[in-house]
Amino acid sequence: MARVSQEHLDARRRQIIDGAARCFARDGFHGTSMQGVLKEVGLSAGAVYRYFSGKEDLIAAIADEAFTSIRLAFQEAADATPPPTPDVLLGRVLRGLFSGEVCGLDGRQFAALIVQVWSETLRNERLAATFDDGFSTMRVVWADVVEGYRKAGIMRADVPADHVARAMMAAAQGFFAQMALFGDAEPEVLENGLRGLMSMDLQKIG
């Protein structure tokens, strides 16, 4: 019997993950059955179960890929010296994430999947552990970005770097929620909004 190449195995796994991600984004984790996934990807149960033990395993794999994609996107965008300002950084990363490169999903589908992952972490310990690890890593990445701003002399140093990092992460998370719920937000909306906030002249306040 001819051996199956690693390239074929990777492509088949990719096919299953992308199909399952479309199901989850469209119908939700609890509204999606393994039968629905099989129909979406056009494969037999045996072919799918060769790679994943069931729906929970698929959810974990997709969540891990989504978290990794987000972390790497921010890390890559932040590697410049000095890093891009928050408006440019967030806009650049979100445009990349919503380009269809993650699980083959469009912007609103990807945002819907991320919001569902957040919700699922409240009941799924395995997913919660993945999310906690990803969130902790992201805080470090963003704190490094803040330090880059400070070294460049473009950010004040009297606010803890972690607090600034979490505020910027919250802006990105809020954008994901708006995109998932309303679908009328584009990365430029957040980018322009942040630019407007950053332009405030604090000396004129008070």
N, C-alpha and C. Protein backbone atom coordinates (compact mmCIF):
# COMPACT_ATOMS: atom_id res chain seq x y z
N MET A 1 0.84 -1.20 0.00
CA MET A 1 0.00 0.00 0.00
C MET A 1 0.88 1.25 0.00
N ALA A 2 0.58 2.20 -0.88
CA ALA A 2 1.39 3.40 -0.97
C ALA A 2 1.25 4.25 0.29
N ARG A 3 2.36 4.81 0.71
CA ARG A 3 2.34 5.66 1.89
C ARG A 3 1.74 7.02 1.54
N VAL A 4 0.97 7.55 2.47
CA VAL A 4 0.38 8.88 2.27
C VAL A 4 1.41 9.93 2.67
N SER A 5 1.63 10.92 1.83
CA SER A 5 2.65 11.93 2.12
C SER A 5 2.20 12.84 3.25
N GLN A 6 3.18 13.44 3.93
CA GLN A 6 2.88 14.40 4.99
C GLN A 6 2.14 15.60 4.43
N GLU A 7 2.47 15.97 3.21
CA GLU A 7 1.79 17.09 2.57
C GLU A 7 0.29 16.81 2.42
N HIS A 8 -0.02 15.56 2.04
CA HIS A 8 -1.43 15.18 1.91
C HIS A 8 -2.12 15.20 3.26
N LEU A 9 -1.45 14.68 4.29
CA LEU A 9 -2.03 14.66 5.64
C LEU A 9 -2.29 16.08 6.14
N ASP A 10 -1.32 16.97 5.91
CA ASP A 10 -1.48 18.36 6.35
C ASP A 10 -2.62 19.04 5.61
N ALA A 11 -2.74 18.77 4.31
CA ALA A 11 -3.81 19.38 3.52
C ALA A 11 -5.18 18.88 3.98
N ARG A 12 -5.27 17.60 4.30
CA ARG A 12 -6.54 17.05 4.76
C ARG A 12 -6.92 17.64 6.13
N ARG A 13 -5.94 17.78 7.01
CA ARG A 13 -6.21 18.38 8.32
C ARG A 13 -6.66 19.83 8.16
N ARG A 14 -6.02 20.53 7.23
CA ARG A 14 -6.39 21.91 6.94
C ARG A 14 -7.84 21.99 6.43
N GLN A 15 -8.19 21.06 5.57
CA GLN A 15 -9.54 21.00 5.02
C GLN A 15 -10.57 20.82 6.12
N ILE A 16 -10.28 19.96 7.07
CA ILE A 16 -11.21 19.68 8.16
C ILE A 16 -11.33 20.89 9.09
N ILE A 17 -10.22 21.49 9.45
CA ILE A 17 -10.24 22.65 10.34
C ILE A 17 -10.99 23.81 9.70
N ASP A 18 -10.72 24.09 8.44
CA ASP A 18 -11.39 25.21 7.77
C ASP A 18 -12.90 24.96 7.67
N GLY A 19 -13.29 23.74 7.35
CA GLY A 19 -14.71 23.42 7.25
C GLY A 19 -15.41 23.53 8.59
N ALA A 20 -14.76 23.00 9.64
CA ALA A 20 -15.34 23.08 10.98
C ALA A 20 -15.44 24.53 11.44
N ALA A 21 -14.44 25.34 11.12
CA ALA A 21 -14.46 26.75 11.51
C ALA A 21 -15.64 27.47 10.85
N ARG A 22 -15.91 27.15 9.60
CA ARG A 22 -17.07 27.76 8.92
C ARG A 22 -18.37 27.36 9.62
N CYS A 23 -18.47 26.09 10.01
CA CYS A 23 -19.67 25.62 10.72
C CYS A 23 -19.83 26.35 12.05
N PHE A 24 -18.75 26.44 12.81
CA PHE A 24 -18.82 27.05 14.13
C PHE A 24 -19.14 28.54 14.02
N ALA A 25 -18.53 29.22 13.05
CA ALA A 25 -18.79 30.64 12.88
C ALA A 25 -20.24 30.88 12.47
N ARG A 26 -20.80 29.98 11.68
CA ARG A 26 -22.16 30.14 11.16
C ARG A 26 -23.23 29.68 12.15
N ASP A 27 -22.99 28.52 12.79
CA ASP A 27 -24.03 27.89 13.61
C ASP A 27 -23.72 27.84 15.11
N GLY A 28 -22.52 28.26 15.49
CA GLY A 28 -22.14 28.21 16.90
C GLY A 28 -21.61 26.84 17.28
N PHE A 29 -20.88 26.79 18.38
CA PHE A 29 -20.32 25.52 18.82
C PHE A 29 -21.41 24.50 19.16
N HIS A 30 -22.41 24.96 19.89
CA HIS A 30 -23.44 24.04 20.34
C HIS A 30 -24.46 23.72 19.24
N GLY A 31 -24.54 24.57 18.23
CA GLY A 31 -25.46 24.32 17.13
C GLY A 31 -24.84 23.48 16.02
N THR A 32 -23.57 23.17 16.16
CA THR A 32 -22.86 22.38 15.15
C THR A 32 -22.67 20.95 15.65
N SER A 33 -23.02 20.00 14.83
CA SER A 33 -22.80 18.59 15.15
C SER A 33 -21.65 18.06 14.30
N MET A 34 -21.12 16.92 14.69
CA MET A 34 -20.08 16.31 13.87
C MET A 34 -20.63 15.92 12.51
N GLN A 35 -21.91 15.56 12.44
CA GLN A 35 -22.51 15.26 11.16
C GLN A 35 -22.50 16.49 10.26
N GLY A 36 -22.75 17.66 10.87
CA GLY A 36 -22.69 18.90 10.12
C GLY A 36 -21.29 19.18 9.59
N VAL A 37 -20.29 18.89 10.41
CA VAL A 37 -18.90 19.09 9.98
C VAL A 37 -18.57 18.15 8.83
N LEU A 38 -18.98 16.88 8.94
CA LEU A 38 -18.72 15.91 7.88
C LEU A 38 -19.33 16.36 6.56
N LYS A 39 -20.54 16.87 6.63
CA LYS A 39 -21.22 17.35 5.42
C LYS A 39 -20.49 18.56 4.84
N GLU A 40 -20.04 19.46 5.71
CA GLU A 40 -19.36 20.68 5.26
C GLU A 40 -18.06 20.36 4.53
N VAL A 41 -17.30 19.40 5.08
CA VAL A 41 -15.98 19.10 4.50
C VAL A 41 -16.05 18.02 3.43
N GLY A 42 -17.19 17.32 3.34
CA GLY A 42 -17.34 16.30 2.32
C GLY A 42 -16.47 15.08 2.52
N LEU A 43 -16.26 14.70 3.78
CA LEU A 43 -15.43 13.54 4.10
C LEU A 43 -16.21 12.54 4.94
N SER A 44 -15.71 11.32 4.99
CA SER A 44 -16.34 10.29 5.80
C SER A 44 -15.97 10.49 7.27
N ALA A 45 -16.75 9.86 8.15
CA ALA A 45 -16.45 9.95 9.58
C ALA A 45 -15.06 9.41 9.87
N GLY A 46 -14.70 8.31 9.23
CA GLY A 46 -13.38 7.72 9.47
C GLY A 46 -12.26 8.66 9.10
N ALA A 47 -12.43 9.40 8.00
CA ALA A 47 -11.39 10.33 7.56
C ALA A 47 -11.20 11.46 8.55
N VAL A 48 -12.32 11.96 9.11
CA VAL A 48 -12.24 13.08 10.05
C VAL A 48 -11.72 12.61 11.41
N TYR A 49 -12.22 11.48 11.88
CA TYR A 49 -11.81 10.99 13.20
C TYR A 49 -10.37 10.50 13.22
N ARG A 50 -9.78 10.36 12.07
CA ARG A 50 -8.36 10.04 12.02
C ARG A 50 -7.53 11.19 12.58
N TYR A 51 -8.06 12.39 12.44
CA TYR A 51 -7.33 13.59 12.86
C TYR A 51 -7.85 14.18 14.18
N PHE A 52 -9.15 14.04 14.42
CA PHE A 52 -9.75 14.66 15.60
C PHE A 52 -10.70 13.67 16.27
N SER A 53 -10.63 13.61 17.59
CA SER A 53 -11.43 12.63 18.33
C SER A 53 -12.90 13.03 18.42
N GLY A 54 -13.22 14.29 18.16
CA GLY A 54 -14.60 14.74 18.23
C GLY A 54 -14.67 16.25 18.18
N LYS A 55 -15.84 16.79 18.48
CA LYS A 55 -16.07 18.23 18.35
C LYS A 55 -15.20 19.02 19.32
N GLU A 56 -15.04 18.54 20.55
CA GLU A 56 -14.23 19.26 21.53
C GLU A 56 -12.79 19.39 21.05
N ASP A 57 -12.29 18.33 20.43
CA ASP A 57 -10.92 18.34 19.91
C ASP A 57 -10.80 19.34 18.77
N LEU A 58 -11.81 19.41 17.93
CA LEU A 58 -11.82 20.38 16.83
C LEU A 58 -11.86 21.80 17.34
N ILE A 59 -12.72 22.04 18.34
CA ILE A 59 -12.83 23.38 18.93
C ILE A 59 -11.48 23.82 19.49
N ALA A 60 -10.82 22.91 20.20
CA ALA A 60 -9.53 23.24 20.81
C ALA A 60 -8.49 23.56 19.73
N ALA A 61 -8.48 22.79 18.65
CA ALA A 61 -7.50 23.00 17.58
C ALA A 61 -7.73 24.35 16.90
N ILE A 62 -9.00 24.68 16.65
CA ILE A 62 -9.32 25.95 16.00
C ILE A 62 -9.01 27.13 16.91
N ALA A 63 -9.34 26.99 18.19
CA ALA A 63 -9.05 28.06 19.14
C ALA A 63 -7.56 28.30 19.25
N ASP A 64 -6.79 27.23 19.31
CA ASP A 64 -5.34 27.36 19.41
C ASP A 64 -4.78 28.05 18.17
N GLU A 65 -5.30 27.70 17.00
CA GLU A 65 -4.83 28.33 15.77
C GLU A 65 -5.20 29.81 15.73
N ALA A 66 -6.41 30.13 16.17
CA ALA A 66 -6.85 31.52 16.17
C ALA A 66 -6.00 32.36 17.12
N PHE A 67 -5.76 31.85 18.34
CA PHE A 67 -4.95 32.57 19.31
C PHE A 67 -3.54 32.76 18.79
N THR A 68 -2.99 31.71 18.19
CA THR A 68 -1.62 31.79 17.67
C THR A 68 -1.52 32.82 16.56
N SER A 69 -2.52 32.84 15.67
CA SER A 69 -2.52 33.80 14.57
C SER A 69 -2.56 35.23 15.08
N ILE A 70 -3.39 35.47 16.10
CA ILE A 70 -3.49 36.81 16.66
C ILE A 70 -2.17 37.23 17.32
N ARG A 71 -1.60 36.32 18.11
CA ARG A 71 -0.35 36.63 18.80
C ARG A 71 0.77 36.92 17.80
N LEU A 72 0.91 36.07 16.79
CA LEU A 72 1.99 36.25 15.82
C LEU A 72 1.79 37.53 15.00
N ALA A 73 0.53 37.85 14.71
CA ALA A 73 0.27 39.06 13.95
C ALA A 73 0.70 40.30 14.72
N PHE A 74 0.36 40.34 16.01
CA PHE A 74 0.77 41.49 16.82
C PHE A 74 2.28 41.51 17.04
N GLN A 75 2.87 40.32 17.22
CA GLN A 75 4.31 40.25 17.44
C GLN A 75 5.05 40.77 16.20
N GLU A 76 4.63 40.35 15.04
CA GLU A 76 5.27 40.78 13.79
C GLU A 76 5.12 42.29 13.58
N ALA A 77 3.91 42.78 13.84
CA ALA A 77 3.69 44.22 13.64
C ALA A 77 4.47 45.06 14.64
N ALA A 78 4.75 44.49 15.81
CA ALA A 78 5.40 45.24 16.88
C ALA A 78 6.93 45.14 16.83
N ASP A 79 7.47 44.35 15.90
CA ASP A 79 8.91 44.15 15.86
C ASP A 79 9.67 45.35 15.33
N ALA A 80 8.97 46.30 14.74
CA ALA A 80 9.63 47.50 14.23
C ALA A 80 10.16 48.34 15.39
N THR A 81 11.20 49.13 15.13
CA THR A 81 11.79 49.99 16.16
C THR A 81 11.80 51.44 15.67
N PRO A 82 11.01 52.32 16.32
CA PRO A 82 10.03 52.00 17.36
C PRO A 82 8.80 51.34 16.75
N PRO A 83 7.98 50.69 17.58
CA PRO A 83 6.76 50.07 17.05
C PRO A 83 5.82 51.12 16.46
N PRO A 84 4.95 50.72 15.53
CA PRO A 84 3.95 51.67 15.02
C PRO A 84 3.08 52.18 16.17
N THR A 85 2.54 53.37 16.05
CA THR A 85 1.65 53.89 17.07
C THR A 85 0.42 52.98 17.18
N PRO A 86 -0.28 53.01 18.32
CA PRO A 86 -1.40 52.06 18.53
C PRO A 86 -2.43 52.05 17.41
N ASP A 87 -2.77 53.21 16.86
CA ASP A 87 -3.77 53.24 15.79
C ASP A 87 -3.30 52.48 14.56
N VAL A 88 -2.05 52.72 14.16
CA VAL A 88 -1.49 52.05 12.99
C VAL A 88 -1.29 50.57 13.26
N LEU A 89 -0.79 50.24 14.45
CA LEU A 89 -0.52 48.85 14.82
C LEU A 89 -1.79 48.01 14.79
N LEU A 90 -2.83 48.50 15.48
CA LEU A 90 -4.08 47.74 15.53
C LEU A 90 -4.73 47.64 14.15
N GLY A 91 -4.72 48.73 13.40
CA GLY A 91 -5.29 48.70 12.06
C GLY A 91 -4.59 47.71 11.17
N ARG A 92 -3.27 47.69 11.21
CA ARG A 92 -2.48 46.78 10.37
C ARG A 92 -2.76 45.33 10.73
N VAL A 93 -2.78 45.03 12.01
CA VAL A 93 -3.00 43.64 12.44
C VAL A 93 -4.40 43.17 12.10
N LEU A 94 -5.40 44.00 12.37
CA LEU A 94 -6.78 43.59 12.11
C LEU A 94 -7.05 43.40 10.63
N ARG A 95 -6.45 44.23 9.79
CA ARG A 95 -6.63 44.02 8.35
C ARG A 95 -6.07 42.67 7.92
N GLY A 96 -4.93 42.30 8.51
CA GLY A 96 -4.34 41.00 8.19
C GLY A 96 -5.20 39.85 8.67
N LEU A 97 -5.72 39.97 9.90
CA LEU A 97 -6.53 38.90 10.47
C LEU A 97 -7.86 38.74 9.74
N PHE A 98 -8.38 39.83 9.21
CA PHE A 98 -9.68 39.77 8.53
C PHE A 98 -9.55 39.57 7.03
N SER A 99 -8.37 39.19 6.58
CA SER A 99 -8.15 39.03 5.14
C SER A 99 -8.53 37.64 4.64
N GLY A 100 -8.98 36.76 5.52
CA GLY A 100 -9.37 35.42 5.11
C GLY A 100 -8.27 34.39 5.25
N GLU A 101 -7.14 34.79 5.85
CA GLU A 101 -6.02 33.86 5.96
C GLU A 101 -6.14 32.92 7.16
N VAL A 102 -6.99 33.25 8.12
CA VAL A 102 -7.15 32.41 9.31
C VAL A 102 -8.37 31.52 9.10
N CYS A 103 -8.14 30.22 8.93
CA CYS A 103 -9.21 29.24 8.75
C CYS A 103 -10.10 29.57 7.55
N GLY A 104 -9.63 30.42 6.64
CA GLY A 104 -10.39 30.75 5.46
C GLY A 104 -11.64 31.58 5.73
N LEU A 105 -11.71 32.24 6.88
CA LEU A 105 -12.91 32.99 7.26
C LEU A 105 -12.79 34.46 6.87
N ASP A 106 -13.92 35.07 6.53
CA ASP A 106 -13.90 36.51 6.30
C ASP A 106 -13.94 37.23 7.65
N GLY A 107 -13.93 38.57 7.59
CA GLY A 107 -13.81 39.35 8.82
C GLY A 107 -14.87 39.05 9.85
N ARG A 108 -16.13 39.09 9.43
CA ARG A 108 -17.21 38.89 10.40
C ARG A 108 -17.24 37.44 10.90
N GLN A 109 -16.96 36.49 10.03
CA GLN A 109 -16.92 35.08 10.45
C GLN A 109 -15.83 34.86 11.49
N PHE A 110 -14.65 35.45 11.22
CA PHE A 110 -13.54 35.28 12.16
C PHE A 110 -13.87 35.93 13.50
N ALA A 111 -14.45 37.12 13.47
CA ALA A 111 -14.82 37.80 14.71
C ALA A 111 -15.86 36.98 15.47
N ALA A 112 -16.85 36.43 14.75
CA ALA A 112 -17.87 35.62 15.40
C ALA A 112 -17.26 34.39 16.05
N LEU A 113 -16.29 33.80 15.38
CA LEU A 113 -15.63 32.62 15.95
C LEU A 113 -14.87 32.98 17.23
N ILE A 114 -14.17 34.11 17.20
CA ILE A 114 -13.40 34.53 18.38
C ILE A 114 -14.32 34.79 19.57
N VAL A 115 -15.43 35.48 19.34
CA VAL A 115 -16.37 35.76 20.43
C VAL A 115 -16.94 34.47 21.00
N GLN A 116 -17.22 33.50 20.15
CA GLN A 116 -17.71 32.22 20.63
C GLN A 116 -16.65 31.47 21.45
N VAL A 117 -15.41 31.58 21.02
CA VAL A 117 -14.32 30.97 21.78
C VAL A 117 -14.26 31.58 23.18
N TRP A 118 -14.36 32.91 23.26
CA TRP A 118 -14.35 33.56 24.57
C TRP A 118 -15.46 32.99 25.45
N SER A 119 -16.65 32.87 24.91
CA SER A 119 -17.78 32.36 25.68
C SER A 119 -17.55 30.92 26.12
N GLU A 120 -16.99 30.13 25.22
CA GLU A 120 -16.78 28.71 25.51
C GLU A 120 -15.77 28.50 26.61
N THR A 121 -14.84 29.44 26.77
CA THR A 121 -13.82 29.28 27.82
C THR A 121 -14.45 29.29 29.22
N LEU A 122 -15.66 29.81 29.36
CA LEU A 122 -16.32 29.87 30.66
C LEU A 122 -16.79 28.49 31.14
N ARG A 123 -16.89 27.53 30.21
CA ARG A 123 -17.37 26.20 30.58
C ARG A 123 -16.39 25.08 30.19
N ASN A 124 -15.41 25.40 29.40
CA ASN A 124 -14.48 24.39 28.90
C ASN A 124 -13.10 24.63 29.49
N GLU A 125 -12.68 23.78 30.42
CA GLU A 125 -11.41 23.98 31.12
C GLU A 125 -10.21 23.90 30.17
N ARG A 126 -10.29 22.99 29.22
CA ARG A 126 -9.19 22.85 28.27
C ARG A 126 -9.03 24.13 27.45
N LEU A 127 -10.14 24.66 26.99
CA LEU A 127 -10.11 25.89 26.21
C LEU A 127 -9.70 27.08 27.08
N ALA A 128 -10.17 27.09 28.32
CA ALA A 128 -9.81 28.17 29.24
C ALA A 128 -8.30 28.22 29.46
N ALA A 129 -7.68 27.05 29.57
CA ALA A 129 -6.24 27.00 29.77
C ALA A 129 -5.51 27.55 28.55
N THR A 130 -5.99 27.18 27.35
CA THR A 130 -5.40 27.70 26.12
C THR A 130 -5.54 29.22 26.05
N PHE A 131 -6.72 29.70 26.41
CA PHE A 131 -6.99 31.14 26.37
C PHE A 131 -6.13 31.88 27.39
N ASP A 132 -6.03 31.34 28.61
CA ASP A 132 -5.22 31.99 29.64
C ASP A 132 -3.76 32.10 29.20
N ASP A 133 -3.26 31.03 28.60
CA ASP A 133 -1.88 31.04 28.13
C ASP A 133 -1.70 32.08 27.03
N GLY A 134 -2.66 32.11 26.09
CA GLY A 134 -2.58 33.07 25.00
C GLY A 134 -2.68 34.51 25.49
N PHE A 135 -3.59 34.75 26.44
CA PHE A 135 -3.77 36.09 26.98
C PHE A 135 -2.52 36.56 27.72
N SER A 136 -1.93 35.67 28.50
CA SER A 136 -0.71 36.03 29.23
C SER A 136 0.43 36.36 28.28
N THR A 137 0.55 35.57 27.22
CA THR A 137 1.59 35.82 26.23
C THR A 137 1.37 37.17 25.54
N MET A 138 0.10 37.45 25.20
CA MET A 138 -0.21 38.71 24.54
C MET A 138 0.10 39.90 25.44
N ARG A 139 -0.14 39.77 26.73
CA ARG A 139 0.18 40.87 27.64
C ARG A 139 1.67 41.18 27.62
N VAL A 140 2.49 40.15 27.55
CA VAL A 140 3.93 40.35 27.49
C VAL A 140 4.32 41.03 26.19
N VAL A 141 3.73 40.56 25.08
CA VAL A 141 4.03 41.16 23.77
C VAL A 141 3.67 42.64 23.76
N TRP A 142 2.49 42.96 24.28
CA TRP A 142 2.05 44.35 24.27
C TRP A 142 2.85 45.20 25.25
N ALA A 143 3.25 44.63 26.36
CA ALA A 143 4.10 45.37 27.30
C ALA A 143 5.43 45.72 26.64
N ASP A 144 5.94 44.80 25.81
CA ASP A 144 7.18 45.07 25.07
C ASP A 144 6.96 46.22 24.08
N VAL A 145 5.77 46.27 23.48
CA VAL A 145 5.46 47.38 22.57
C VAL A 145 5.49 48.71 23.33
N VAL A 146 4.89 48.71 24.53
CA VAL A 146 4.87 49.92 25.35
C VAL A 146 6.30 50.36 25.68
N GLU A 147 7.14 49.39 26.02
CA GLU A 147 8.53 49.73 26.33
C GLU A 147 9.22 50.32 25.11
N GLY A 148 8.86 49.82 23.92
CA GLY A 148 9.42 50.39 22.70
C GLY A 148 9.01 51.84 22.52
N TYR A 149 7.76 52.16 22.85
CA TYR A 149 7.31 53.56 22.80
C TYR A 149 8.12 54.42 23.76
N ARG A 150 8.32 53.88 24.95
CA ARG A 150 9.04 54.67 25.96
C ARG A 150 10.49 54.90 25.57
N LYS A 151 11.13 53.88 25.03
CA LYS A 151 12.52 54.04 24.61
C LYS A 151 12.64 55.07 23.49
N ALA A 152 11.60 55.16 22.67
CA ALA A 152 11.61 56.14 21.58
C ALA A 152 11.22 57.53 22.07
N GLY A 153 10.83 57.63 23.34
CA GLY A 153 10.47 58.92 23.92
C GLY A 153 9.12 59.44 23.50
N ILE A 154 8.21 58.53 23.08
CA ILE A 154 6.91 58.99 22.61
C ILE A 154 5.76 58.59 23.54
N MET A 155 6.10 58.01 24.70
CA MET A 155 5.06 57.68 25.68
C MET A 155 5.56 57.95 27.08
N ARG A 156 4.71 58.52 27.90
CA ARG A 156 5.06 58.81 29.29
C ARG A 156 5.32 57.51 30.04
N ALA A 157 6.10 57.62 31.12
CA ALA A 157 6.54 56.43 31.83
C ALA A 157 5.89 56.26 33.20
N ASP A 158 4.88 57.08 33.53
CA ASP A 158 4.32 57.02 34.87
C ASP A 158 3.08 56.12 34.97
N VAL A 159 2.77 55.36 33.92
CA VAL A 159 1.67 54.39 33.94
C VAL A 159 2.26 53.01 33.70
N PRO A 160 1.90 52.01 34.51
CA PRO A 160 2.47 50.66 34.32
C PRO A 160 2.27 50.15 32.89
N ALA A 161 3.32 49.57 32.34
CA ALA A 161 3.26 49.08 30.96
C ALA A 161 2.14 48.06 30.77
N ASP A 162 1.92 47.22 31.78
CA ASP A 162 0.88 46.21 31.68
C ASP A 162 -0.51 46.84 31.59
N HIS A 163 -0.70 47.96 32.27
CA HIS A 163 -2.00 48.64 32.21
C HIS A 163 -2.26 49.20 30.81
N VAL A 164 -1.22 49.78 30.21
CA VAL A 164 -1.36 50.29 28.84
C VAL A 164 -1.61 49.13 27.89
N ALA A 165 -0.88 48.04 28.09
CA ALA A 165 -1.03 46.87 27.23
C ALA A 165 -2.45 46.33 27.29
N ARG A 166 -3.00 46.23 28.48
CA ARG A 166 -4.34 45.67 28.62
C ARG A 166 -5.40 46.61 28.03
N ALA A 167 -5.16 47.91 28.12
CA ALA A 167 -6.10 48.86 27.52
C ALA A 167 -6.11 48.72 26.00
N MET A 168 -4.94 48.55 25.38
CA MET A 168 -4.88 48.38 23.93
C MET A 168 -5.50 47.04 23.52
N MET A 169 -5.26 46.00 24.32
CA MET A 169 -5.88 44.71 24.03
C MET A 169 -7.40 44.81 24.14
N ALA A 170 -7.88 45.57 25.12
CA ALA A 170 -9.33 45.73 25.28
C ALA A 170 -9.94 46.43 24.07
N ALA A 171 -9.21 47.37 23.48
CA ALA A 171 -9.70 48.04 22.28
C ALA A 171 -9.86 47.04 21.14
N ALA A 172 -8.88 46.15 20.99
CA ALA A 172 -8.96 45.13 19.95
C ALA A 172 -10.10 44.16 20.22
N GLN A 173 -10.26 43.76 21.49
CA GLN A 173 -11.33 42.83 21.84
C GLN A 173 -12.70 43.45 21.60
N GLY A 174 -12.83 44.71 21.94
CA GLY A 174 -14.09 45.40 21.70
C GLY A 174 -14.40 45.48 20.22
N PHE A 175 -13.38 45.66 19.39
CA PHE A 175 -13.59 45.71 17.95
C PHE A 175 -14.08 44.36 17.44
N PHE A 176 -13.50 43.27 17.95
CA PHE A 176 -13.95 41.93 17.57
C PHE A 176 -15.43 41.76 17.90
N ALA A 177 -15.82 42.21 19.09
CA ALA A 177 -17.22 42.07 19.51
C ALA A 177 -18.14 42.88 18.59
N GLN A 178 -17.75 44.09 18.24
CA GLN A 178 -18.58 44.92 17.35
C GLN A 178 -18.70 44.28 15.97
N MET A 179 -17.61 43.77 15.47
CA MET A 179 -17.64 43.13 14.15
C MET A 179 -18.54 41.90 14.17
N ALA A 180 -18.44 41.10 15.23
CA ALA A 180 -19.24 39.88 15.32
C ALA A 180 -20.73 40.20 15.45
N LEU A 181 -21.06 41.22 16.25
CA LEU A 181 -22.46 41.52 16.54
C LEU A 181 -23.13 42.33 15.44
N PHE A 182 -22.39 43.27 14.85
CA PHE A 182 -23.02 44.22 13.93
C PHE A 182 -22.49 44.13 12.50
N GLY A 183 -21.26 43.69 12.35
CA GLY A 183 -20.71 43.49 11.02
C GLY A 183 -20.45 44.75 10.23
N ASP A 184 -20.60 45.91 10.83
CA ASP A 184 -20.43 47.16 10.08
C ASP A 184 -19.15 47.88 10.44
N ALA A 185 -18.26 47.21 11.14
CA ALA A 185 -17.01 47.83 11.55
C ALA A 185 -15.87 47.32 10.66
N GLU A 186 -15.03 48.22 10.24
CA GLU A 186 -13.84 47.88 9.48
C GLU A 186 -12.62 48.33 10.28
N PRO A 187 -11.46 47.72 10.05
CA PRO A 187 -10.27 48.13 10.79
C PRO A 187 -10.02 49.63 10.78
N GLU A 188 -10.39 50.29 9.66
CA GLU A 188 -10.18 51.74 9.57
C GLU A 188 -10.99 52.49 10.63
N VAL A 189 -12.14 51.93 11.03
CA VAL A 189 -12.96 52.57 12.05
C VAL A 189 -12.18 52.67 13.35
N LEU A 190 -11.61 51.56 13.79
CA LEU A 190 -10.82 51.56 15.02
C LEU A 190 -9.56 52.41 14.86
N GLU A 191 -8.93 52.29 13.72
CA GLU A 191 -7.70 53.04 13.47
C GLU A 191 -7.96 54.54 13.54
N ASN A 192 -8.99 55.00 12.86
CA ASN A 192 -9.31 56.42 12.87
C ASN A 192 -9.78 56.89 14.24
N GLY A 193 -10.57 56.05 14.92
CA GLY A 193 -11.05 56.42 16.25
C GLY A 193 -9.91 56.58 17.24
N LEU A 194 -8.97 55.65 17.20
CA LEU A 194 -7.82 55.75 18.10
C LEU A 194 -6.97 56.97 17.76
N ARG A 195 -6.83 57.24 16.47
CA ARG A 195 -6.04 58.41 16.07
C ARG A 195 -6.68 59.69 16.61
N GLY A 196 -8.01 59.72 16.58
CA GLY A 196 -8.70 60.87 17.12
C GLY A 196 -8.48 61.04 18.61
N LEU A 197 -8.57 59.94 19.35
CA LEU A 197 -8.34 59.99 20.80
C LEU A 197 -6.91 60.39 21.11
N MET A 198 -5.96 59.89 20.32
CA MET A 198 -4.56 60.19 20.55
C MET A 198 -4.23 61.64 20.25
N SER A 199 -5.09 62.33 19.50
CA SER A 199 -4.81 63.70 19.10
C SER A 199 -5.26 64.73 20.15
N MET A 200 -5.89 64.26 21.23
CA MET A 200 -6.37 65.19 22.25
C MET A 200 -5.21 65.97 22.86
N ASP A 201 -5.42 67.24 23.06
CA ASP A 201 -4.42 68.10 23.69
C ASP A 201 -4.75 68.21 25.17
N LEU A 202 -4.05 67.39 25.99
CA LEU A 202 -4.36 67.32 27.41
C LEU A 202 -4.08 68.63 28.14
N GLN A 203 -3.23 69.46 27.56
CA GLN A 203 -2.92 70.73 28.21
C GLN A 203 -4.11 71.69 28.21
N LYS A 204 -5.04 71.43 27.32
CA LYS A 204 -6.22 72.30 27.24
C LYS A 204 -7.36 71.81 28.13
N ILE A 205 -7.18 70.66 28.78
CA ILE A 205 -8.22 70.12 29.63
C ILE A 205 -8.05 70.64 31.03
N GLY A 206 -9.12 71.08 31.64
CA GLY A 206 -9.06 71.55 33.01
C GLY A 206 -8.59 72.98 33.08
